[in-house]
Amino acid sequence: MREITITTEFIKLQDLLKFAGLVETGGEAKERVQAGEALVNGEPCLQRGKKIRPGDRVDFAGETLTVKYAD
């Protein structure tokens, strides 16, 4: 499990995937999320703009991501 630190209230799912280096571009993130490849809190998520906040868990391409606020 990887923990990603954010400085904003939330991060959009597609941006999280790019920031974590799991996709190359926003276009790739869009296609893969809309294809149902991302799970948010164990449920398939087709919204690339889904707001991910601390406490949420994202499973994608064999990786598990969580987010936390910067100290």
Protein backbone atom coordinates (compact mmCIF):
# COMPACT_ATOMS: atom_id res chain seq x y z
CA MET A 1 0.00 0.00 0.00
CA ARG A 2 1.29 3.43 -0.98
CA GLU A 3 0.30 6.57 0.85
CA ILE A 4 0.11 9.74 -1.23
CA THR A 5 0.34 13.11 0.53
CA ILE A 6 -1.93 15.92 -0.71
CA THR A 7 -2.05 19.60 0.22
CA THR A 8 -5.62 20.20 -0.94
CA GLU A 9 -9.00 19.08 0.42
CA PHE A 10 -9.19 16.26 -2.14
CA ILE A 11 -7.57 14.93 -5.32
CA LYS A 12 -9.49 13.74 -8.34
CA LEU A 13 -9.12 10.06 -9.17
CA GLN A 14 -7.51 10.68 -12.56
CA ASP A 15 -5.04 13.12 -11.01
CA LEU A 16 -4.16 10.65 -8.27
CA LEU A 17 -3.39 7.97 -10.85
CA LYS A 18 -1.15 10.39 -12.77
CA PHE A 19 0.54 11.71 -9.62
CA ALA A 20 1.27 8.17 -8.43
CA GLY A 21 2.80 7.32 -11.82
CA LEU A 22 0.30 4.58 -12.61
CA VAL A 23 -0.72 6.17 -15.94
CA GLU A 24 1.22 8.31 -18.38
CA THR A 25 -1.46 10.83 -19.36
CA GLY A 26 -4.87 12.15 -18.39
CA GLY A 27 -6.27 10.51 -21.51
CA GLU A 28 -4.99 7.12 -20.41
CA ALA A 29 -6.45 7.68 -16.94
CA LYS A 30 -9.82 8.59 -18.46
CA GLU A 31 -9.95 5.48 -20.62
CA ARG A 32 -8.86 3.09 -17.89
CA VAL A 33 -11.20 4.52 -15.25
CA GLN A 34 -14.15 4.47 -17.66
CA ALA A 35 -13.26 0.85 -18.48
CA GLY A 36 -13.84 0.00 -14.81
CA GLU A 37 -10.21 -0.69 -13.91
CA ALA A 38 -10.23 1.45 -10.73
CA LEU A 39 -11.80 0.45 -7.44
CA VAL A 40 -12.58 3.11 -4.85
CA ASN A 41 -13.22 1.70 -1.39
CA GLY A 42 -13.71 -1.73 -2.96
CA GLU A 43 -16.33 -0.63 -5.50
CA PRO A 44 -15.77 -0.10 -9.24
CA CYS A 45 -15.64 3.63 -10.01
CA LEU A 46 -16.27 4.97 -13.52
CA GLN A 47 -15.96 8.67 -12.58
CA ARG A 48 -12.50 9.97 -13.39
CA GLY A 49 -13.31 13.16 -11.45
CA LYS A 50 -14.26 11.24 -8.29
CA LYS A 51 -12.99 13.19 -5.28
CA ILE A 52 -10.54 11.10 -3.26
CA ARG A 53 -10.06 12.19 0.34
CA PRO A 54 -8.04 10.81 3.27
CA GLY A 55 -9.63 7.56 4.37
CA ASP A 56 -10.44 6.50 0.81
CA ARG A 57 -8.66 3.53 -0.74
CA VAL A 58 -7.96 3.19 -4.46
CA ASP A 59 -6.99 -0.12 -6.07
CA PHE A 60 -5.61 0.13 -9.60
CA ALA A 61 -3.23 -1.97 -11.70
CA GLY A 62 -2.18 -4.13 -8.77
CA GLU A 63 -1.43 -1.14 -6.53
CA THR A 64 -3.33 0.10 -3.50
CA LEU A 65 -3.23 3.83 -2.82
CA THR A 66 -4.42 5.89 0.12
CA VAL A 67 -4.12 9.64 0.63
CA LYS A 68 -3.26 11.76 3.63
CA TYR A 69 -3.04 15.47 4.26
CA ALA A 70 0.38 17.07 4.48
CA ASP A 71 1.40 17.90 8.05
